[in-house]
């Protein structure tokens, strides 16, 4: 399945960041992909298109769904978006908190993290998983993303403040940006 910008609500959609996700999965050919913060399924669909093209890989998408007090989707809405693209064989949806998952000694080749990221979350992930052999890709990392309204309103730690510590690289600096460590 060749890539097409998924017609699913996401902050990634306007600047077609799904293409960066797709290209990364094509290049790395991960067998086990884990995603946290699936919302409506945009990024999972983009990565599943690459799994289909590679004829390889599976994505487990974790989210809090209705239990998340801010912008969220339901598992059923996300599943319907995935089904619309015929990619349900590549994606499993589950409900789990990220901190609880970290305690499970997780197995993955590629982690995509989009859970209201800030510098403290990125540092926590780095500290918990930096010896893990898998790749960690996350929403954010650019200065523009660090200056969104809610980051300033809630005085959140910027991701750029931990860039030297974690050594992350920005894969695509178009808003909201995608980075990898």
N, C-alpha and C. Protein backbone atom coordinates (compact mmCIF):
# COMPACT_ATOMS: atom_id res chain seq x y z
N UNK A 1 0.85 -1.17 0.00
CA UNK A 1 0.00 0.00 0.00
C UNK A 1 0.89 1.23 0.00
N UNK A 2 0.80 2.00 -1.03
CA UNK A 2 1.56 3.24 -1.11
C UNK A 2 1.00 4.24 -0.11
N UNK A 3 1.83 5.19 0.29
CA UNK A 3 1.42 6.17 1.30
C UNK A 3 0.44 7.18 0.74
N UNK A 4 -0.55 7.52 1.56
CA UNK A 4 -1.42 8.67 1.32
C UNK A 4 -1.67 9.32 2.67
N UNK A 5 -1.70 10.64 2.71
CA UNK A 5 -1.93 11.37 3.95
C UNK A 5 -3.29 10.96 4.51
N UNK A 6 -3.33 10.27 5.66
CA UNK A 6 -4.61 9.78 6.18
C UNK A 6 -5.61 10.91 6.41
N UNK A 7 -6.83 10.66 6.00
CA UNK A 7 -7.91 11.62 6.20
C UNK A 7 -8.53 11.40 7.58
N UNK A 8 -7.73 11.70 8.60
CA UNK A 8 -8.09 11.49 10.00
C UNK A 8 -7.61 12.71 10.77
N UNK A 9 -8.42 13.20 11.70
CA UNK A 9 -8.02 14.37 12.47
C UNK A 9 -6.72 14.11 13.23
N UNK A 10 -5.77 15.05 13.12
CA UNK A 10 -4.50 14.98 13.85
C UNK A 10 -3.76 16.29 13.65
N UNK A 11 -2.96 16.66 14.65
CA UNK A 11 -2.08 17.83 14.46
C UNK A 11 -1.02 17.53 13.41
N UNK A 12 -0.79 16.26 13.11
CA UNK A 12 0.18 15.85 12.08
C UNK A 12 -0.34 16.07 10.66
N UNK A 13 -1.66 16.08 10.48
CA UNK A 13 -2.25 16.04 9.14
C UNK A 13 -1.88 17.25 8.27
N UNK A 14 -1.99 18.46 8.82
CA UNK A 14 -1.80 19.68 8.01
C UNK A 14 -0.45 19.69 7.31
N UNK A 15 0.61 19.28 8.00
CA UNK A 15 1.94 19.28 7.40
C UNK A 15 2.38 17.88 6.95
N UNK A 16 1.41 16.97 6.83
CA UNK A 16 1.66 15.61 6.33
C UNK A 16 2.84 14.93 7.03
N UNK A 17 2.85 14.97 8.37
CA UNK A 17 3.92 14.31 9.12
C UNK A 17 3.77 12.79 9.08
N UNK A 18 2.63 12.32 8.61
CA UNK A 18 2.46 10.88 8.42
C UNK A 18 3.50 10.32 7.46
N UNK A 19 3.91 11.12 6.50
CA UNK A 19 4.94 10.68 5.54
C UNK A 19 6.26 10.41 6.25
N UNK A 20 6.60 11.22 7.24
CA UNK A 20 7.82 10.98 8.01
C UNK A 20 7.71 9.67 8.79
N UNK A 21 6.54 9.41 9.38
CA UNK A 21 6.33 8.15 10.10
C UNK A 21 6.43 6.97 9.13
N UNK A 22 5.75 7.09 8.00
CA UNK A 22 5.77 6.05 6.97
C UNK A 22 7.20 5.77 6.50
N UNK A 23 7.92 6.82 6.14
CA UNK A 23 9.29 6.65 5.65
C UNK A 23 10.20 6.02 6.71
N UNK A 24 10.00 6.37 7.97
CA UNK A 24 10.81 5.80 9.05
C UNK A 24 10.55 4.31 9.18
N UNK A 25 9.30 3.90 9.11
CA UNK A 25 8.97 2.46 9.20
C UNK A 25 9.48 1.72 7.97
N UNK A 26 9.37 2.32 6.79
CA UNK A 26 9.92 1.69 5.58
C UNK A 26 11.42 1.46 5.75
N UNK A 27 12.11 2.47 6.27
CA UNK A 27 13.57 2.40 6.38
C UNK A 27 14.03 1.43 7.49
N UNK A 28 13.40 1.50 8.66
CA UNK A 28 13.85 0.70 9.81
C UNK A 28 13.31 -0.73 9.80
N UNK A 29 12.17 -0.94 9.13
CA UNK A 29 11.52 -2.25 9.07
C UNK A 29 11.33 -2.89 10.46
N UNK A 30 10.72 -2.14 11.39
CA UNK A 30 10.52 -2.70 12.73
C UNK A 30 9.46 -3.80 12.73
N UNK A 31 9.69 -4.81 13.53
CA UNK A 31 8.71 -5.89 13.68
C UNK A 31 7.67 -5.50 14.73
N UNK A 32 8.13 -4.95 15.85
CA UNK A 32 7.24 -4.60 16.96
C UNK A 32 7.24 -3.07 17.11
N UNK A 33 6.10 -2.47 16.79
CA UNK A 33 5.93 -1.03 16.93
C UNK A 33 4.94 -0.79 18.06
N UNK A 34 5.29 0.11 18.95
CA UNK A 34 4.40 0.51 20.04
C UNK A 34 4.12 1.99 19.89
N UNK A 35 2.85 2.34 20.04
CA UNK A 35 2.47 3.75 19.99
C UNK A 35 1.71 4.10 21.25
N UNK A 36 2.04 5.24 21.83
CA UNK A 36 1.29 5.79 22.95
C UNK A 36 0.72 7.13 22.54
N UNK A 37 -0.59 7.29 22.76
CA UNK A 37 -1.27 8.52 22.39
C UNK A 37 -1.80 8.45 20.98
N UNK A 38 -2.68 7.51 20.71
CA UNK A 38 -3.16 7.25 19.35
C UNK A 38 -4.22 8.22 18.86
N UNK A 39 -4.93 8.86 19.78
CA UNK A 39 -6.03 9.76 19.46
C UNK A 39 -6.95 9.10 18.43
N UNK A 40 -7.07 9.64 17.23
CA UNK A 40 -8.00 9.10 16.22
C UNK A 40 -7.34 8.09 15.27
N UNK A 41 -6.04 7.82 15.44
CA UNK A 41 -5.39 6.78 14.66
C UNK A 41 -4.54 7.24 13.49
N UNK A 42 -4.38 8.54 13.29
CA UNK A 42 -3.64 9.05 12.13
C UNK A 42 -2.25 8.43 12.03
N UNK A 43 -1.46 8.52 13.09
CA UNK A 43 -0.08 8.04 13.02
C UNK A 43 -0.02 6.53 12.91
N UNK A 44 -0.93 5.83 13.56
CA UNK A 44 -0.97 4.37 13.45
C UNK A 44 -1.28 3.96 12.01
N UNK A 45 -2.20 4.67 11.37
CA UNK A 45 -2.56 4.36 9.98
C UNK A 45 -1.35 4.60 9.07
N UNK A 46 -0.66 5.72 9.25
CA UNK A 46 0.51 6.02 8.42
C UNK A 46 1.58 4.94 8.58
N UNK A 47 1.84 4.52 9.82
CA UNK A 47 2.85 3.48 10.05
C UNK A 47 2.37 2.12 9.55
N UNK A 48 1.07 1.84 9.68
CA UNK A 48 0.54 0.56 9.19
C UNK A 48 0.61 0.47 7.67
N UNK A 49 0.46 1.60 6.97
CA UNK A 49 0.63 1.61 5.52
C UNK A 49 2.04 1.11 5.18
N UNK A 50 3.02 1.55 5.96
CA UNK A 50 4.41 1.11 5.74
C UNK A 50 4.58 -0.36 6.09
N UNK A 51 3.94 -0.81 7.16
CA UNK A 51 4.01 -2.24 7.50
C UNK A 51 3.44 -3.08 6.36
N UNK A 52 2.33 -2.62 5.80
CA UNK A 52 1.73 -3.32 4.66
C UNK A 52 2.69 -3.35 3.48
N UNK A 53 3.31 -2.22 3.20
CA UNK A 53 4.27 -2.13 2.09
C UNK A 53 5.48 -3.04 2.35
N UNK A 54 5.96 -3.05 3.61
CA UNK A 54 7.10 -3.90 3.98
C UNK A 54 6.74 -5.38 4.06
N UNK A 55 5.41 -5.65 4.15
CA UNK A 55 4.91 -7.00 4.41
C UNK A 55 5.48 -7.53 5.73
N UNK A 56 5.55 -6.61 6.72
CA UNK A 56 6.26 -6.91 7.95
C UNK A 56 5.88 -5.90 9.01
N UNK A 57 5.67 -6.35 10.23
CA UNK A 57 5.47 -5.46 11.36
C UNK A 57 4.04 -5.40 11.87
N UNK A 58 3.93 -5.08 13.16
CA UNK A 58 2.64 -4.93 13.82
C UNK A 58 2.73 -3.79 14.83
N UNK A 59 1.65 -3.05 14.97
CA UNK A 59 1.60 -1.89 15.87
C UNK A 59 0.62 -2.16 16.99
N UNK A 60 1.06 -1.99 18.23
CA UNK A 60 0.15 -2.00 19.37
C UNK A 60 0.00 -0.55 19.82
N UNK A 61 -1.23 -0.05 19.75
CA UNK A 61 -1.52 1.33 20.10
C UNK A 61 -2.16 1.39 21.49
N UNK A 62 -1.49 2.10 22.37
CA UNK A 62 -2.01 2.30 23.71
C UNK A 62 -2.49 3.74 23.85
N UNK A 63 -3.58 3.89 24.57
CA UNK A 63 -4.11 5.22 24.87
C UNK A 63 -4.95 5.09 26.13
N UNK A 64 -5.29 6.21 26.71
CA UNK A 64 -6.20 6.21 27.85
C UNK A 64 -7.65 6.32 27.37
N UNK A 65 -7.83 6.65 26.09
CA UNK A 65 -9.13 6.80 25.46
C UNK A 65 -10.01 7.72 26.30
N UNK A 66 -11.20 7.28 26.71
CA UNK A 66 -12.14 8.13 27.45
C UNK A 66 -11.62 8.57 28.81
N UNK A 67 -10.65 7.86 29.36
CA UNK A 67 -10.13 8.19 30.69
C UNK A 67 -9.20 9.40 30.67
N UNK A 68 -8.77 9.85 29.49
CA UNK A 68 -7.90 11.02 29.39
C UNK A 68 -8.78 12.27 29.48
N UNK A 69 -8.51 13.19 30.41
CA UNK A 69 -9.41 14.31 30.63
C UNK A 69 -9.36 15.41 29.56
N UNK A 70 -8.41 15.37 28.67
CA UNK A 70 -8.28 16.42 27.66
C UNK A 70 -8.74 15.88 26.31
N UNK A 71 -8.19 16.34 25.22
CA UNK A 71 -8.62 15.89 23.90
C UNK A 71 -8.35 14.39 23.77
N UNK A 72 -9.41 13.66 23.43
CA UNK A 72 -9.27 12.21 23.29
C UNK A 72 -10.29 11.69 22.28
N UNK A 73 -10.12 10.43 21.95
CA UNK A 73 -11.04 9.71 21.08
C UNK A 73 -11.50 8.47 21.85
N UNK A 74 -12.46 7.78 21.30
CA UNK A 74 -12.82 6.49 21.88
C UNK A 74 -12.09 5.41 21.09
N UNK A 75 -11.94 4.25 21.71
CA UNK A 75 -11.31 3.14 21.02
C UNK A 75 -12.12 2.76 19.78
N UNK A 76 -13.46 2.80 19.89
CA UNK A 76 -14.31 2.44 18.76
C UNK A 76 -14.15 3.42 17.59
N UNK A 77 -14.04 4.72 17.88
CA UNK A 77 -13.84 5.71 16.81
C UNK A 77 -12.51 5.49 16.11
N UNK A 78 -11.48 5.22 16.89
CA UNK A 78 -10.16 4.98 16.31
C UNK A 78 -10.16 3.70 15.48
N UNK A 79 -10.80 2.65 15.99
CA UNK A 79 -10.89 1.39 15.25
C UNK A 79 -11.62 1.60 13.92
N UNK A 80 -12.68 2.41 13.92
CA UNK A 80 -13.42 2.69 12.68
C UNK A 80 -12.52 3.39 11.66
N UNK A 81 -11.68 4.33 12.11
CA UNK A 81 -10.75 5.00 11.18
C UNK A 81 -9.75 4.01 10.60
N UNK A 82 -9.25 3.12 11.41
CA UNK A 82 -8.29 2.11 10.95
C UNK A 82 -8.96 1.16 9.96
N UNK A 83 -10.19 0.74 10.28
CA UNK A 83 -10.93 -0.17 9.39
C UNK A 83 -11.20 0.47 8.04
N UNK A 84 -11.43 1.79 8.03
CA UNK A 84 -11.69 2.52 6.78
C UNK A 84 -10.53 2.35 5.80
N UNK A 85 -9.31 2.17 6.32
CA UNK A 85 -8.13 1.98 5.48
C UNK A 85 -7.77 0.51 5.28
N UNK A 86 -8.55 -0.39 5.87
CA UNK A 86 -8.29 -1.82 5.72
C UNK A 86 -6.99 -2.27 6.37
N UNK A 87 -6.63 -1.64 7.50
CA UNK A 87 -5.34 -1.92 8.12
C UNK A 87 -5.46 -2.58 9.50
N UNK A 88 -6.62 -3.09 9.82
CA UNK A 88 -6.84 -3.65 11.17
C UNK A 88 -5.94 -4.86 11.46
N UNK A 89 -5.47 -5.56 10.44
CA UNK A 89 -4.57 -6.70 10.67
C UNK A 89 -3.19 -6.26 11.17
N UNK A 90 -2.87 -4.98 11.02
CA UNK A 90 -1.56 -4.47 11.42
C UNK A 90 -1.59 -3.72 12.75
N UNK A 91 -2.78 -3.53 13.31
CA UNK A 91 -2.91 -2.66 14.48
C UNK A 91 -3.78 -3.31 15.55
N UNK A 92 -3.30 -3.30 16.79
CA UNK A 92 -4.07 -3.72 17.95
C UNK A 92 -4.22 -2.51 18.87
N UNK A 93 -5.44 -2.27 19.33
CA UNK A 93 -5.71 -1.15 20.24
C UNK A 93 -5.88 -1.67 21.67
N UNK A 94 -5.23 -0.99 22.62
CA UNK A 94 -5.33 -1.36 24.03
C UNK A 94 -5.38 -0.11 24.89
N UNK A 95 -5.91 -0.26 26.10
CA UNK A 95 -5.91 0.85 27.04
C UNK A 95 -4.88 0.57 28.13
N UNK A 96 -3.95 1.51 28.30
CA UNK A 96 -2.92 1.37 29.32
C UNK A 96 -2.24 2.72 29.51
N UNK A 97 -1.88 3.04 30.73
CA UNK A 97 -1.14 4.25 31.04
C UNK A 97 0.33 4.04 30.71
N UNK A 98 0.98 5.07 30.19
CA UNK A 98 2.37 4.97 29.78
C UNK A 98 3.29 4.59 30.95
N UNK A 99 3.09 5.19 32.12
CA UNK A 99 3.94 4.87 33.27
C UNK A 99 3.81 3.40 33.66
N UNK A 100 2.60 2.85 33.56
CA UNK A 100 2.41 1.42 33.86
C UNK A 100 3.13 0.55 32.84
N UNK A 101 3.09 0.96 31.57
CA UNK A 101 3.78 0.20 30.52
C UNK A 101 5.28 0.19 30.74
N UNK A 102 5.83 1.33 31.17
CA UNK A 102 7.28 1.40 31.41
C UNK A 102 7.74 0.37 32.44
N UNK A 103 6.87 0.01 33.37
CA UNK A 103 7.22 -0.96 34.41
C UNK A 103 7.23 -2.40 33.92
N UNK A 104 6.77 -2.64 32.69
CA UNK A 104 6.63 -4.01 32.18
C UNK A 104 7.87 -4.56 31.48
N UNK A 105 8.98 -3.84 31.52
CA UNK A 105 10.16 -4.23 30.74
C UNK A 105 9.76 -4.42 29.28
N UNK A 106 9.30 -3.34 28.66
CA UNK A 106 8.66 -3.43 27.35
C UNK A 106 9.59 -3.88 26.22
N UNK A 107 8.97 -4.57 25.27
CA UNK A 107 9.67 -5.02 24.08
C UNK A 107 9.15 -4.22 22.88
N UNK A 108 10.05 -3.65 22.11
CA UNK A 108 9.67 -2.91 20.90
C UNK A 108 10.92 -2.68 20.05
N UNK A 109 10.67 -2.51 18.77
CA UNK A 109 11.72 -2.09 17.84
C UNK A 109 11.61 -0.59 17.57
N UNK A 110 10.36 -0.08 17.61
CA UNK A 110 10.10 1.34 17.39
C UNK A 110 8.97 1.77 18.31
N UNK A 111 9.20 2.83 19.07
CA UNK A 111 8.19 3.42 19.94
C UNK A 111 7.84 4.79 19.37
N UNK A 112 6.55 5.06 19.20
CA UNK A 112 6.09 6.40 18.83
C UNK A 112 5.30 6.94 20.01
N UNK A 113 5.76 8.08 20.53
CA UNK A 113 5.21 8.64 21.76
C UNK A 113 4.58 10.00 21.48
N UNK A 114 3.27 10.11 21.78
CA UNK A 114 2.54 11.37 21.58
C UNK A 114 1.55 11.54 22.73
N UNK A 115 2.08 11.84 23.92
CA UNK A 115 1.25 11.90 25.13
C UNK A 115 1.42 13.25 25.85
N UNK A 116 1.08 14.34 25.19
CA UNK A 116 1.29 15.68 25.76
C UNK A 116 2.75 15.83 26.16
N UNK A 117 3.62 15.51 25.24
CA UNK A 117 5.06 15.50 25.49
C UNK A 117 5.58 16.85 25.97
N UNK A 118 6.50 16.78 26.90
CA UNK A 118 7.28 17.93 27.33
C UNK A 118 8.67 17.40 27.69
N UNK A 119 9.54 18.29 28.13
CA UNK A 119 10.91 17.89 28.43
C UNK A 119 11.02 16.84 29.52
N UNK A 120 10.16 16.90 30.54
CA UNK A 120 10.22 15.92 31.62
C UNK A 120 9.82 14.52 31.13
N UNK A 121 8.82 14.46 30.25
CA UNK A 121 8.41 13.17 29.69
C UNK A 121 9.53 12.60 28.83
N UNK A 122 10.13 13.42 27.99
CA UNK A 122 11.20 12.95 27.10
C UNK A 122 12.41 12.49 27.92
N UNK A 123 12.75 13.22 28.98
CA UNK A 123 13.85 12.81 29.85
C UNK A 123 13.52 11.50 30.56
N UNK A 124 12.28 11.36 31.04
CA UNK A 124 11.87 10.12 31.71
C UNK A 124 11.99 8.92 30.76
N UNK A 125 11.54 9.10 29.53
CA UNK A 125 11.62 8.03 28.54
C UNK A 125 13.09 7.68 28.26
N UNK A 126 13.90 8.69 28.09
CA UNK A 126 15.32 8.46 27.84
C UNK A 126 15.96 7.71 29.00
N UNK A 127 15.71 8.17 30.22
CA UNK A 127 16.29 7.52 31.40
C UNK A 127 15.82 6.07 31.54
N UNK A 128 14.55 5.82 31.24
CA UNK A 128 13.99 4.47 31.40
C UNK A 128 14.40 3.53 30.28
N UNK A 129 14.60 4.06 29.07
CA UNK A 129 14.76 3.19 27.90
C UNK A 129 16.05 3.40 27.12
N UNK A 130 16.99 4.23 27.61
CA UNK A 130 18.14 4.56 26.77
C UNK A 130 19.04 3.36 26.49
N UNK A 131 18.97 2.32 27.28
CA UNK A 131 19.76 1.11 26.98
C UNK A 131 18.97 0.11 26.15
N UNK A 132 17.71 0.41 25.89
CA UNK A 132 16.86 -0.46 25.07
C UNK A 132 17.33 -0.38 23.63
N UNK A 133 17.36 -1.49 22.91
CA UNK A 133 17.88 -1.47 21.53
C UNK A 133 16.93 -0.82 20.51
N UNK A 134 15.67 -0.53 20.88
CA UNK A 134 14.72 0.02 19.93
C UNK A 134 14.88 1.52 19.74
N UNK A 135 14.23 2.02 18.70
CA UNK A 135 14.21 3.45 18.40
C UNK A 135 13.02 4.11 19.09
N UNK A 136 13.20 5.35 19.52
CA UNK A 136 12.14 6.11 20.16
C UNK A 136 11.89 7.36 19.33
N UNK A 137 10.69 7.43 18.79
CA UNK A 137 10.27 8.57 17.97
C UNK A 137 9.17 9.28 18.75
N UNK A 138 9.19 10.61 18.74
CA UNK A 138 8.17 11.31 19.52
C UNK A 138 7.70 12.59 18.85
N UNK A 139 6.48 12.98 19.20
CA UNK A 139 5.90 14.23 18.74
C UNK A 139 6.60 15.35 19.47
N UNK A 140 7.03 16.37 18.71
CA UNK A 140 7.68 17.53 19.30
C UNK A 140 9.18 17.50 19.12
N UNK A 141 9.84 18.41 19.83
CA UNK A 141 11.29 18.53 19.76
C UNK A 141 11.74 19.85 19.16
N UNK A 142 10.88 20.49 18.37
CA UNK A 142 11.24 21.77 17.75
C UNK A 142 10.95 22.92 18.72
N UNK A 143 11.61 24.05 18.49
CA UNK A 143 11.35 25.23 19.31
C UNK A 143 9.91 25.71 19.15
N UNK A 144 9.38 25.63 17.93
CA UNK A 144 8.00 26.05 17.70
C UNK A 144 7.04 25.22 18.56
N UNK A 145 7.25 23.91 18.61
CA UNK A 145 6.38 23.03 19.42
C UNK A 145 6.53 23.33 20.90
N UNK A 146 7.73 23.67 21.35
CA UNK A 146 7.95 24.01 22.75
C UNK A 146 7.21 25.27 23.18
N UNK A 147 6.79 26.08 22.23
CA UNK A 147 6.13 27.35 22.55
C UNK A 147 4.63 27.34 22.30
N UNK A 148 4.01 26.16 22.23
CA UNK A 148 2.56 26.12 22.09
C UNK A 148 1.91 26.67 23.36
N UNK A 149 0.69 27.10 23.23
CA UNK A 149 -0.02 27.79 24.31
C UNK A 149 -0.03 27.01 25.62
N UNK A 150 -0.37 25.73 25.57
CA UNK A 150 -0.49 24.97 26.83
C UNK A 150 0.85 24.73 27.51
N UNK A 151 1.93 24.66 26.74
CA UNK A 151 3.26 24.50 27.36
C UNK A 151 3.59 25.75 28.18
N UNK A 152 3.28 26.92 27.65
CA UNK A 152 3.54 28.18 28.36
C UNK A 152 2.56 28.36 29.52
N UNK A 153 1.29 28.09 29.28
CA UNK A 153 0.25 28.28 30.30
C UNK A 153 0.53 27.45 31.55
N UNK A 154 0.97 26.21 31.36
CA UNK A 154 1.22 25.32 32.49
C UNK A 154 2.69 25.24 32.88
N UNK A 155 3.50 26.15 32.33
CA UNK A 155 4.92 26.25 32.67
C UNK A 155 5.62 24.89 32.55
N UNK A 156 5.39 24.22 31.41
CA UNK A 156 5.97 22.90 31.19
C UNK A 156 7.42 23.03 30.75
N UNK A 157 8.22 22.04 31.09
CA UNK A 157 9.63 22.01 30.72
C UNK A 157 9.74 21.78 29.22
N UNK A 158 10.54 22.59 28.54
CA UNK A 158 10.67 22.46 27.09
C UNK A 158 11.47 21.20 26.74
N UNK A 159 11.20 20.67 25.57
CA UNK A 159 11.96 19.51 25.09
C UNK A 159 13.38 19.93 24.71
N UNK A 160 13.51 21.15 24.18
CA UNK A 160 14.84 21.63 23.80
C UNK A 160 15.79 21.70 24.99
N UNK A 161 15.25 21.87 26.20
CA UNK A 161 16.10 21.94 27.39
C UNK A 161 16.73 20.58 27.73
N UNK A 162 16.21 19.50 27.15
CA UNK A 162 16.79 18.17 27.39
C UNK A 162 17.40 17.57 26.12
N UNK A 163 17.49 18.38 25.07
CA UNK A 163 18.01 17.89 23.79
C UNK A 163 19.46 17.41 23.91
N UNK A 164 20.32 18.17 24.55
CA UNK A 164 21.71 17.74 24.72
C UNK A 164 21.80 16.49 25.59
N UNK A 165 20.99 16.42 26.62
CA UNK A 165 20.98 15.28 27.54
C UNK A 165 20.58 13.99 26.83
N UNK A 166 19.52 14.07 26.01
CA UNK A 166 18.98 12.87 25.35
C UNK A 166 19.61 12.62 23.98
N UNK A 167 20.14 13.66 23.36
CA UNK A 167 20.73 13.51 22.04
C UNK A 167 19.71 13.28 20.93
N UNK A 168 18.46 13.71 21.14
CA UNK A 168 17.47 13.48 20.09
C UNK A 168 17.76 14.34 18.86
N UNK A 169 17.26 13.85 17.72
CA UNK A 169 17.40 14.56 16.45
C UNK A 169 15.99 14.84 15.92
N UNK A 170 15.80 15.98 15.33
CA UNK A 170 14.51 16.31 14.74
C UNK A 170 14.46 15.70 13.34
N UNK A 171 13.48 14.82 13.13
CA UNK A 171 13.30 14.18 11.81
C UNK A 171 12.55 15.09 10.85
N UNK A 172 11.59 15.83 11.38
CA UNK A 172 10.80 16.74 10.57
C UNK A 172 10.42 17.92 11.46
N UNK A 173 10.86 19.13 11.10
CA UNK A 173 10.62 20.28 11.96
C UNK A 173 9.32 21.01 11.65
N UNK A 174 8.55 20.52 10.69
CA UNK A 174 7.22 21.11 10.43
C UNK A 174 6.33 20.85 11.65
N UNK A 175 5.54 21.85 12.00
CA UNK A 175 4.72 21.76 13.21
C UNK A 175 3.78 20.55 13.16
N UNK A 176 3.69 19.81 14.24
CA UNK A 176 4.29 20.00 15.56
C UNK A 176 5.67 19.37 15.71
N UNK A 177 6.21 18.84 14.67
CA UNK A 177 7.54 18.21 14.56
C UNK A 177 7.56 16.79 15.10
N UNK A 178 8.50 16.04 14.57
CA UNK A 178 8.75 14.65 15.01
C UNK A 178 10.25 14.51 15.22
N UNK A 179 10.60 13.90 16.34
CA UNK A 179 12.02 13.72 16.68
C UNK A 179 12.28 12.26 17.01
N UNK A 180 13.57 11.91 17.08
CA UNK A 180 13.95 10.53 17.37
C UNK A 180 15.20 10.49 18.23
N UNK A 181 15.22 9.50 19.12
CA UNK A 181 16.44 9.22 19.89
C UNK A 181 16.66 7.73 19.90
